[in-house]
Amino acid sequence: MDTQKYPRRGTDSARVIRVIETKAARGLGTEEDPMRVVIQYWSFDGRLLAENDSK
């Protein structure tokens, strides 16, 4: 991307919030479905906010 045409911007907003982080093993341990640790972030009312799965 040409930074002359599209100048880079910084972060417009940031804040610290409380969430629940869970870590769980996932996968069968095969080449098609390797064993890995999946990290999820949940709100206090039970909504899944994000998931980090390396697969």
C-alpha atoms as a PDB file:
ATOM      1  CA  MET A   1       0.000   0.000   0.000  1.00  0.00           C
ATOM      2  CA  ASP A   2       1.330   3.419  -0.963  1.00  0.00           C
ATOM      3  CA  THR A   3       1.681   5.427   2.249  1.00  0.00           C
ATOM      4  CA  GLN A   4       1.769   8.637   0.207  1.00  0.00           C
ATOM      5  CA  LYS A   5      -1.810   8.079  -0.984  1.00  0.00           C
ATOM      6  CA  TYR A   6      -3.004   6.418   2.222  1.00  0.00           C
ATOM      7  CA  PRO A   7      -1.199   7.891   5.214  1.00  0.00           C
ATOM      8  CA  ARG A   8      -0.945   5.627   8.234  1.00  0.00           C
ATOM      9  CA  ARG A   9      -3.133   6.493  11.149  1.00  0.00           C
ATOM     10  CA  GLY A  10      -2.571   5.789  14.797  1.00  0.00           C
ATOM     11  CA  THR A  11      -5.095   4.293  17.170  1.00  0.00           C
ATOM     12  CA  ASP A  12      -8.205   6.419  17.547  1.00  0.00           C
ATOM     13  CA  SER A  13      -9.205   4.946  20.878  1.00  0.00           C
ATOM     14  CA  ALA A  14      -7.994   2.436  23.457  1.00  0.00           C
ATOM     15  CA  ARG A  15      -9.282   1.380  26.837  1.00  0.00           C
ATOM     16  CA  VAL A  16      -8.804  -1.353  29.390  1.00  0.00           C
ATOM     17  CA  ILE A  17     -11.855  -3.556  29.883  1.00  0.00           C
ATOM     18  CA  ARG A  18     -12.618  -6.582  32.008  1.00  0.00           C
ATOM     19  CA  VAL A  19     -13.213  -9.847  30.162  1.00  0.00           C
ATOM     20  CA  ILE A  20     -13.043 -13.553  30.940  1.00  0.00           C
ATOM     21  CA  GLU A  21     -10.179 -15.387  29.217  1.00  0.00           C
ATOM     22  CA  THR A  22     -10.453 -19.159  28.788  1.00  0.00           C
ATOM     23  CA  LYS A  23      -7.862 -21.598  27.429  1.00  0.00           C
ATOM     24  CA  ALA A  24      -8.841 -25.056  26.251  1.00  0.00           C
ATOM     25  CA  ALA A  25      -7.223 -27.892  24.310  1.00  0.00           C
ATOM     26  CA  ARG A  26      -8.755 -28.534  20.906  1.00  0.00           C
ATOM     27  CA  GLY A  27      -7.996 -31.017  18.144  1.00  0.00           C
ATOM     28  CA  LEU A  28      -7.596 -34.737  17.666  1.00  0.00           C
ATOM     29  CA  GLY A  29      -3.808 -34.683  17.385  1.00  0.00           C
ATOM     30  CA  THR A  30      -3.829 -35.673  13.709  1.00  0.00           C
ATOM     31  CA  GLU A  31      -2.180 -33.869  10.809  1.00  0.00           C
ATOM     32  CA  GLU A  32      -5.590 -32.652   9.639  1.00  0.00           C
ATOM     33  CA  ASP A  33      -6.678 -31.602  13.149  1.00  0.00           C
ATOM     34  CA  PRO A  34      -3.590 -30.903  15.298  1.00  0.00           C
ATOM     35  CA  MET A  35      -3.798 -30.548  19.082  1.00  0.00           C
ATOM     36  CA  ARG A  36      -3.560 -26.906  20.100  1.00  0.00           C
ATOM     37  CA  VAL A  37      -4.632 -24.470  22.813  1.00  0.00           C
ATOM     38  CA  VAL A  38      -7.506 -22.166  21.871  1.00  0.00           C
ATOM     39  CA  ILE A  39      -7.913 -18.890  23.767  1.00  0.00           C
ATOM     40  CA  GLN A  40     -11.373 -17.335  24.022  1.00  0.00           C
ATOM     41  CA  TYR A  41     -12.503 -14.012  25.452  1.00  0.00           C
ATOM     42  CA  TRP A  42     -15.988 -13.756  26.945  1.00  0.00           C
ATOM     43  CA  SER A  43     -18.111 -10.929  28.335  1.00  0.00           C
ATOM     44  CA  PHE A  44     -19.526 -11.237  31.831  1.00  0.00           C
ATOM     45  CA  ASP A  45     -22.982 -11.834  30.369  1.00  0.00           C
ATOM     46  CA  GLY A  46     -21.783 -14.917  28.454  1.00  0.00           C
ATOM     47  CA  ARG A  47     -21.149 -13.545  24.950  1.00  0.00           C
ATOM     48  CA  LEU A  48     -18.117 -14.860  23.049  1.00  0.00           C
ATOM     49  CA  LEU A  49     -16.134 -11.768  22.056  1.00  0.00           C
ATOM     50  CA  ALA A  50     -13.102 -13.278  20.312  1.00  0.00           C
ATOM     51  CA  GLU A  51     -11.295 -16.539  19.707  1.00  0.00           C
ATOM     52  CA  ASN A  52      -7.623 -17.141  18.959  1.00  0.00           C
ATOM     53  CA  ASP A  53      -7.176 -20.535  17.280  1.00  0.00           C
ATOM     54  CA  SER A  54      -3.797 -21.145  15.644  1.00  0.00           C
ATOM     55  CA  LYS A  55      -5.240 -23.621  13.122  1.00  0.00           C
END
